PDB file of N, CA and C in Angstrom:
ATOM      1  N   MET A   1     -27.737 -45.283  16.176  1.00  0.00           N
ATOM      2  CA  MET A   1     -27.596 -44.390  15.065  1.00  0.00           C
ATOM      3  C   MET A   1     -26.270 -44.706  14.367  1.00  0.00           C
ATOM      4  N   LYS A   2     -26.246 -44.580  13.067  1.00  0.00           N
ATOM      5  CA  LYS A   2     -25.010 -44.716  12.306  1.00  0.00           C
ATOM      6  C   LYS A   2     -24.738 -43.412  11.587  1.00  0.00           C
ATOM      7  N   ALA A   3     -23.505 -43.088  11.489  1.00  0.00           N
ATOM      8  CA  ALA A   3     -23.105 -41.869  10.769  1.00  0.00           C
ATOM      9  C   ALA A   3     -21.899 -42.202   9.934  1.00  0.00           C
ATOM     10  N   ARG A   4     -21.821 -41.568   8.791  1.00  0.00           N
ATOM     11  CA  ARG A   4     -20.712 -41.707   7.870  1.00  0.00           C
ATOM     12  C   ARG A   4     -20.106 -40.315   7.677  1.00  0.00           C
ATOM     13  N   VAL A   5     -18.798 -40.195   7.893  1.00  0.00           N
ATOM     14  CA  VAL A   5     -18.086 -38.938   7.746  1.00  0.00           C
ATOM     15  C   VAL A   5     -17.208 -38.976   6.533  1.00  0.00           C
ATOM     16  N   HIS A   6     -17.326 -38.100   5.619  1.00  0.00           N
ATOM     17  CA  HIS A   6     -16.486 -38.006   4.430  1.00  0.00           C
ATOM     18  C   HIS A   6     -15.504 -36.872   4.628  1.00  0.00           C
ATOM     19  N   VAL A   7     -14.195 -37.190   4.624  1.00  0.00           N
ATOM     20  CA  VAL A   7     -13.154 -36.160   4.850  1.00  0.00           C
ATOM     21  C   VAL A   7     -12.367 -36.042   3.572  1.00  0.00           C
ATOM     22  N   MET A   8     -12.194 -34.820   3.118  1.00  0.00           N
ATOM     23  CA  MET A   8     -11.405 -34.542   1.903  1.00  0.00           C
ATOM     24  C   MET A   8     -10.491 -33.331   2.146  1.00  0.00           C
ATOM     25  N   LEU A   9      -9.418 -33.283   1.429  1.00  0.00           N
ATOM     26  CA  LEU A   9      -8.555 -32.124   1.496  1.00  0.00           C
ATOM     27  C   LEU A   9      -9.328 -30.937   0.915  1.00  0.00           C
ATOM     28  N   LYS A  10      -9.113 -29.767   1.438  1.00  0.00           N
ATOM     29  CA  LYS A  10      -9.781 -28.593   0.933  1.00  0.00           C
ATOM     30  C   LYS A  10      -9.232 -28.240  -0.430  1.00  0.00           C
ATOM     31  N   ASP A  11     -10.029 -27.555  -1.247  1.00  0.00           N
ATOM     32  CA  ASP A  11      -9.559 -27.054  -2.544  1.00  0.00           C
ATOM     33  C   ASP A  11      -8.326 -26.217  -2.356  1.00  0.00           C
ATOM     34  N   GLY A  12      -7.350 -26.395  -3.237  1.00  0.00           N
ATOM     35  CA  GLY A  12      -6.099 -25.626  -3.118  1.00  0.00           C
ATOM     36  C   GLY A  12      -4.977 -26.310  -2.333  1.00  0.00           C
ATOM     37  N   VAL A  13      -5.346 -27.304  -1.546  1.00  0.00           N
ATOM     38  CA  VAL A  13      -4.324 -28.078  -0.808  1.00  0.00           C
ATOM     39  C   VAL A  13      -3.820 -29.211  -1.672  1.00  0.00           C
ATOM     40  N   LEU A  14      -2.494 -29.282  -1.798  1.00  0.00           N
ATOM     41  CA  LEU A  14      -1.880 -30.277  -2.640  1.00  0.00           C
ATOM     42  C   LEU A  14      -2.235 -31.662  -2.177  1.00  0.00           C
ATOM     43  N   ASP A  15      -2.565 -32.567  -3.111  1.00  0.00           N
ATOM     44  CA  ASP A  15      -2.916 -33.931  -2.775  1.00  0.00           C
ATOM     45  C   ASP A  15      -1.943 -34.908  -3.441  1.00  0.00           C
ATOM     46  N   PRO A  16      -0.812 -35.219  -2.842  1.00  0.00           N
ATOM     47  CA  PRO A  16       0.157 -36.086  -3.477  1.00  0.00           C
ATOM     48  C   PRO A  16      -0.378 -37.513  -3.728  1.00  0.00           C
ATOM     49  N   GLN A  17      -1.229 -37.993  -2.823  1.00  0.00           N
ATOM     50  CA  GLN A  17      -1.792 -39.327  -3.061  1.00  0.00           C
ATOM     51  C   GLN A  17      -2.695 -39.296  -4.261  1.00  0.00           C
ATOM     52  N   GLY A  18      -3.508 -38.290  -4.376  1.00  0.00           N
ATOM     53  CA  GLY A  18      -4.360 -38.170  -5.581  1.00  0.00           C
ATOM     54  C   GLY A  18      -3.555 -38.084  -6.845  1.00  0.00           C
ATOM     55  N   ALA A  19      -2.442 -37.321  -6.833  1.00  0.00           N
ATOM     56  CA  ALA A  19      -1.582 -37.214  -7.998  1.00  0.00           C
ATOM     57  C   ALA A  19      -0.969 -38.592  -8.332  1.00  0.00           C
ATOM     58  N   ALA A  20      -0.557 -39.354  -7.307  1.00  0.00           N
ATOM     59  CA  ALA A  20       0.040 -40.650  -7.577  1.00  0.00           C
ATOM     60  C   ALA A  20      -1.009 -41.601  -8.191  1.00  0.00           C
ATOM     61  N   VAL A  21      -2.259 -41.573  -7.700  1.00  0.00           N
ATOM     62  CA  VAL A  21      -3.302 -42.385  -8.261  1.00  0.00           C
ATOM     63  C   VAL A  21      -3.581 -41.990  -9.720  1.00  0.00           C
ATOM     64  N   LYS A  22      -3.627 -40.701 -10.008  1.00  0.00           N
ATOM     65  CA  LYS A  22      -3.882 -40.241 -11.371  1.00  0.00           C
ATOM     66  C   LYS A  22      -2.781 -40.725 -12.273  1.00  0.00           C
ATOM     67  N   HIS A  23      -1.507 -40.607 -11.831  1.00  0.00           N
ATOM     68  CA  HIS A  23      -0.376 -41.114 -12.658  1.00  0.00           C
ATOM     69  C   HIS A  23      -0.509 -42.593 -12.909  1.00  0.00           C
ATOM     70  N   ALA A  24      -0.801 -43.368 -11.823  1.00  0.00           N
ATOM     71  CA  ALA A  24      -0.933 -44.840 -11.998  1.00  0.00           C
ATOM     72  C   ALA A  24      -2.039 -45.169 -12.935  1.00  0.00           C
ATOM     73  N   LEU A  25      -3.171 -44.469 -12.865  1.00  0.00           N
ATOM     74  CA  LEU A  25      -4.291 -44.793 -13.837  1.00  0.00           C
ATOM     75  C   LEU A  25      -3.798 -44.498 -15.250  1.00  0.00           C
ATOM     76  N   GLY A  26      -3.084 -43.424 -15.457  1.00  0.00           N
ATOM     77  CA  GLY A  26      -2.550 -43.123 -16.825  1.00  0.00           C
ATOM     78  C   GLY A  26      -1.647 -44.236 -17.289  1.00  0.00           C
ATOM     79  N   ALA A  27      -0.753 -44.724 -16.402  1.00  0.00           N
ATOM     80  CA  ALA A  27       0.153 -45.789 -16.742  1.00  0.00           C
ATOM     81  C   ALA A  27      -0.595 -47.105 -17.073  1.00  0.00           C
ATOM     82  N   LEU A  28      -1.821 -47.260 -16.531  1.00  0.00           N
ATOM     83  CA  LEU A  28      -2.594 -48.429 -16.806  1.00  0.00           C
ATOM     84  C   LEU A  28      -3.468 -48.286 -18.068  1.00  0.00           C
ATOM     85  N   GLY A  29      -3.365 -47.106 -18.702  1.00  0.00           N
ATOM     86  CA  GLY A  29      -4.095 -46.855 -19.966  1.00  0.00           C
ATOM     87  C   GLY A  29      -5.426 -46.111 -19.797  1.00  0.00           C
ATOM     88  N   PHE A  30      -5.670 -45.601 -18.587  1.00  0.00           N
ATOM     89  CA  PHE A  30      -6.870 -44.815 -18.363  1.00  0.00           C
ATOM     90  C   PHE A  30      -6.544 -43.349 -18.539  1.00  0.00           C
ATOM     91  N   ASP A  31      -6.561 -42.913 -19.802  1.00  0.00           N
ATOM     92  CA  ASP A  31      -6.110 -41.584 -20.140  1.00  0.00           C
ATOM     93  C   ASP A  31      -7.133 -40.498 -19.946  1.00  0.00           C
ATOM     94  N   GLY A  32      -8.383 -40.836 -19.679  1.00  0.00           N
ATOM     95  CA  GLY A  32      -9.465 -39.800 -19.576  1.00  0.00           C
ATOM     96  C   GLY A  32      -9.591 -39.188 -18.182  1.00  0.00           C
ATOM     97  N   VAL A  33      -8.652 -39.456 -17.290  1.00  0.00           N
ATOM     98  CA  VAL A  33      -8.757 -38.962 -15.903  1.00  0.00           C
ATOM     99  C   VAL A  33      -7.990 -37.610 -15.792  1.00  0.00           C
ATOM    100  N   ASP A  34      -8.734 -36.542 -15.582  1.00  0.00           N
ATOM    101  CA  ASP A  34      -8.126 -35.206 -15.531  1.00  0.00           C
ATOM    102  C   ASP A  34      -7.581 -34.835 -14.121  1.00  0.00           C
ATOM    103  N   GLY A  35      -8.129 -35.446 -13.105  1.00  0.00           N
ATOM    104  CA  GLY A  35      -7.696 -35.179 -11.751  1.00  0.00           C
ATOM    105  C   GLY A  35      -8.216 -36.184 -10.762  1.00  0.00           C
ATOM    106  N   VAL A  36      -7.524 -36.396  -9.682  1.00  0.00           N
ATOM    107  CA  VAL A  36      -7.964 -37.276  -8.601  1.00  0.00           C
ATOM    108  C   VAL A  36      -7.720 -36.606  -7.270  1.00  0.00           C
ATOM    109  N   ARG A  37      -8.738 -36.655  -6.413  1.00  0.00           N
ATOM    110  CA  ARG A  37      -8.649 -36.211  -5.031  1.00  0.00           C
ATOM    111  C   ARG A  37      -8.919 -37.405  -4.152  1.00  0.00           C
ATOM    112  N   GLN A  38      -8.043 -37.686  -3.231  1.00  0.00           N
ATOM    113  CA  GLN A  38      -8.225 -38.826  -2.367  1.00  0.00           C
ATOM    114  C   GLN A  38      -8.641 -38.365  -0.958  1.00  0.00           C
ATOM    115  N   GLY A  39      -9.588 -39.064  -0.352  1.00  0.00           N
ATOM    116  CA  GLY A  39     -10.027 -38.706   0.974  1.00  0.00           C
ATOM    117  C   GLY A  39     -10.207 -39.980   1.828  1.00  0.00           C
ATOM    118  N   LYS A  40     -11.014 -39.811   2.855  1.00  0.00           N
ATOM    119  CA  LYS A  40     -11.252 -41.001   3.739  1.00  0.00           C
ATOM    120  C   LYS A  40     -12.713 -40.938   4.166  1.00  0.00           C
ATOM    121  N   VAL A  41     -13.265 -42.160   4.431  1.00  0.00           N
ATOM    122  CA  VAL A  41     -14.635 -42.307   4.911  1.00  0.00           C
ATOM    123  C   VAL A  41     -14.535 -42.982   6.292  1.00  0.00           C
ATOM    124  N   ILE A  42     -15.242 -42.442   7.280  1.00  0.00           N
ATOM    125  CA  ILE A  42     -15.224 -42.980   8.605  1.00  0.00           C
ATOM    126  C   ILE A  42     -16.648 -43.302   8.951  1.00  0.00           C
ATOM    127  N   GLU A  43     -16.926 -44.594   9.291  1.00  0.00           N
ATOM    128  CA  GLU A  43     -18.292 -44.940   9.696  1.00  0.00           C
ATOM    129  C   GLU A  43     -18.343 -45.135  11.215  1.00  0.00           C
ATOM    130  N   LEU A  44     -19.309 -44.545  11.805  1.00  0.00           N
ATOM    131  CA  LEU A  44     -19.476 -44.588  13.235  1.00  0.00           C
ATOM    132  C   LEU A  44     -20.785 -45.241  13.605  1.00  0.00           C
ATOM    133  N   ASP A  45     -20.741 -46.194  14.538  1.00  0.00           N
ATOM    134  CA  ASP A  45     -21.928 -46.822  15.177  1.00  0.00           C
ATOM    135  C   ASP A  45     -22.033 -46.122  16.496  1.00  0.00           C
ATOM    136  N   LEU A  46     -23.135 -45.360  16.667  1.00  0.00           N
ATOM    137  CA  LEU A  46     -23.301 -44.551  17.883  1.00  0.00           C
ATOM    138  C   LEU A  46     -24.437 -45.045  18.740  1.00  0.00           C
ATOM    139  N   ALA A  47     -24.362 -44.772  19.988  1.00  0.00           N
ATOM    140  CA  ALA A  47     -25.418 -45.134  20.933  1.00  0.00           C
ATOM    141  C   ALA A  47     -26.694 -44.320  20.639  1.00  0.00           C
ATOM    142  N   ASP A  48     -27.828 -44.869  21.010  1.00  0.00           N
ATOM    143  CA  ASP A  48     -29.098 -44.164  20.853  1.00  0.00           C
ATOM    144  C   ASP A  48     -28.965 -42.833  21.535  1.00  0.00           C
ATOM    145  N   GLY A  49     -29.556 -41.811  20.973  1.00  0.00           N
ATOM    146  CA  GLY A  49     -29.504 -40.496  21.592  1.00  0.00           C
ATOM    147  C   GLY A  49     -28.378 -39.660  21.091  1.00  0.00           C
ATOM    148  N   ALA A  50     -27.431 -40.232  20.340  1.00  0.00           N
ATOM    149  CA  ALA A  50     -26.320 -39.407  19.772  1.00  0.00           C
ATOM    150  C   ALA A  50     -26.881 -38.474  18.775  1.00  0.00           C
ATOM    151  N   THR A  51     -26.236 -37.336  18.590  1.00  0.00           N
ATOM    152  CA  THR A  51     -26.753 -36.349  17.654  1.00  0.00           C
ATOM    153  C   THR A  51     -25.733 -36.023  16.602  1.00  0.00           C
ATOM    154  N   GLU A  52     -26.214 -35.439  15.525  1.00  0.00           N
ATOM    155  CA  GLU A  52     -25.321 -35.045  14.430  1.00  0.00           C
ATOM    156  C   GLU A  52     -24.388 -33.997  14.927  1.00  0.00           C
ATOM    157  N   ALA A  53     -24.822 -33.114  15.846  1.00  0.00           N
ATOM    158  CA  ALA A  53     -23.920 -32.092  16.414  1.00  0.00           C
ATOM    159  C   ALA A  53     -22.752 -32.737  17.180  1.00  0.00           C
ATOM    160  N   GLN A  54     -22.983 -33.815  17.831  1.00  0.00           N
ATOM    161  CA  GLN A  54     -21.904 -34.542  18.484  1.00  0.00           C
ATOM    162  C   GLN A  54     -20.876 -35.100  17.533  1.00  0.00           C
ATOM    163  N   VAL A  55     -21.406 -35.641  16.393  1.00  0.00           N
ATOM    164  CA  VAL A  55     -20.487 -36.114  15.352  1.00  0.00           C
ATOM    165  C   VAL A  55     -19.676 -34.938  14.776  1.00  0.00           C
ATOM    166  N   GLY A  56     -20.319 -33.780  14.597  1.00  0.00           N
ATOM    167  CA  GLY A  56     -19.579 -32.617  14.190  1.00  0.00           C
ATOM    168  C   GLY A  56     -18.446 -32.233  15.127  1.00  0.00           C
ATOM    169  N   GLU A  57     -18.724 -32.386  16.429  1.00  0.00           N
ATOM    170  CA  GLU A  57     -17.749 -32.044  17.412  1.00  0.00           C
ATOM    171  C   GLU A  57     -16.603 -33.042  17.371  1.00  0.00           C
ATOM    172  N   MET A  58     -16.920 -34.317  17.067  1.00  0.00           N
ATOM    173  CA  MET A  58     -15.887 -35.345  16.912  1.00  0.00           C
ATOM    174  C   MET A  58     -14.978 -34.993  15.726  1.00  0.00           C
ATOM    175  N   CYS A  59     -15.601 -34.547  14.661  1.00  0.00           N
ATOM    176  CA  CYS A  59     -14.849 -34.160  13.472  1.00  0.00           C
ATOM    177  C   CYS A  59     -13.915 -33.001  13.766  1.00  0.00           C
ATOM    178  N   GLU A  60     -14.416 -31.990  14.444  1.00  0.00           N
ATOM    179  CA  GLU A  60     -13.635 -30.777  14.784  1.00  0.00           C
ATOM    180  C   GLU A  60     -12.498 -31.063  15.693  1.00  0.00           C
ATOM    181  N   LYS A  61     -12.688 -32.042  16.560  1.00  0.00           N
ATOM    182  CA  LYS A  61     -11.632 -32.339  17.565  1.00  0.00           C
ATOM    183  C   LYS A  61     -10.651 -33.416  17.189  1.00  0.00           C
ATOM    184  N   LEU A  62     -11.099 -34.406  16.314  1.00  0.00           N
ATOM    185  CA  LEU A  62     -10.277 -35.527  16.063  1.00  0.00           C
ATOM    186  C   LEU A  62     -10.266 -36.039  14.609  1.00  0.00           C
ATOM    187  N   LEU A  63     -11.439 -36.212  14.077  1.00  0.00           N
ATOM    188  CA  LEU A  63     -11.590 -36.950  12.808  1.00  0.00           C
ATOM    189  C   LEU A  63     -11.054 -36.207  11.555  1.00  0.00           C
ATOM    190  N   ALA A  64     -11.076 -34.894  11.618  1.00  0.00           N
ATOM    191  CA  ALA A  64     -10.592 -34.106  10.467  1.00  0.00           C
ATOM    192  C   ALA A  64      -9.652 -33.038  10.956  1.00  0.00           C
ATOM    193  N   ASN A  65      -8.633 -32.765  10.155  1.00  0.00           N
ATOM    194  CA  ASN A  65      -7.711 -31.633  10.400  1.00  0.00           C
ATOM    195  C   ASN A  65      -8.353 -30.451   9.675  1.00  0.00           C
ATOM    196  N   THR A  66      -9.136 -29.644  10.366  1.00  0.00           N
ATOM    197  CA  THR A  66      -9.969 -28.649   9.762  1.00  0.00           C
ATOM    198  C   THR A  66      -9.175 -27.488   9.169  1.00  0.00           C
ATOM    199  N   VAL A  67      -7.854 -27.425   9.383  1.00  0.00           N
ATOM    200  CA  VAL A  67      -7.001 -26.477   8.686  1.00  0.00           C
ATOM    201  C   VAL A  67      -6.879 -26.763   7.231  1.00  0.00           C
ATOM    202  N   ILE A  68      -6.743 -28.073   6.921  1.00  0.00           N
ATOM    203  CA  ILE A  68      -6.524 -28.464   5.522  1.00  0.00           C
ATOM    204  C   ILE A  68      -7.640 -29.406   4.968  1.00  0.00           C
ATOM    205  N   GLU A  69      -8.522 -29.859   5.803  1.00  0.00           N
ATOM    206  CA  GLU A  69      -9.529 -30.836   5.383  1.00  0.00           C
ATOM    207  C   GLU A  69     -10.915 -30.270   5.652  1.00  0.00           C
ATOM    208  N   SER A  70     -11.882 -30.678   4.819  1.00  0.00           N
ATOM    209  CA  SER A  70     -13.268 -30.389   5.047  1.00  0.00           C
ATOM    210  C   SER A  70     -13.931 -31.725   5.292  1.00  0.00           C
ATOM    211  N   TYR A  71     -15.122 -31.723   5.875  1.00  0.00           N
ATOM    212  CA  TYR A  71     -15.860 -32.927   6.112  1.00  0.00           C
ATOM    213  C   TYR A  71     -17.338 -32.782   5.906  1.00  0.00           C
ATOM    214  N   ARG A  72     -17.970 -33.875   5.640  1.00  0.00           N
ATOM    215  CA  ARG A  72     -19.442 -33.921   5.436  1.00  0.00           C
ATOM    216  C   ARG A  72     -19.976 -35.105   6.233  1.00  0.00           C
ATOM    217  N   ILE A  73     -20.977 -34.853   7.028  1.00  0.00           N
ATOM    218  CA  ILE A  73     -21.626 -35.899   7.841  1.00  0.00           C
ATOM    219  C   ILE A  73     -22.865 -36.415   7.113  1.00  0.00           C
ATOM    220  N   GLU A  74     -22.945 -37.706   7.112  1.00  0.00           N
ATOM    221  CA  GLU A  74     -24.186 -38.353   6.512  1.00  0.00           C
ATOM    222  C   GLU A  74     -24.708 -39.257   7.614  1.00  0.00           C
ATOM    223  N   VAL A  75     -25.950 -39.002   8.071  1.00  0.00           N
ATOM    224  CA  VAL A  75     -26.622 -39.838   9.042  1.00  0.00           C
ATOM    225  C   VAL A  75     -27.325 -40.942   8.312  1.00  0.00           C
ATOM    226  N   LEU A  76     -27.085 -42.130   8.728  1.00  0.00           N
ATOM    227  CA  LEU A  76     -27.642 -43.338   8.040  1.00  0.00           C
ATOM    228  C   LEU A  76     -28.821 -43.879   8.750  1.00  0.00           C
TER     229      LEU A  76
END
């Protein structure tokens, strides 16, 4: 089984990397960008029999800081 985990900062949490990317895009002439949020994608190759619930547990314990980040699991 393969799973992809999308981790993003929660709404309301400052995103300095996103702000830096937005600023850089403006400096390159891309003026139509109103906001940027930056996150991460983690792809997992899992043994047969692994469950989405186990991936959720991985996210809760290690892959995401659930105080400031949210995550979405995509089973591939």
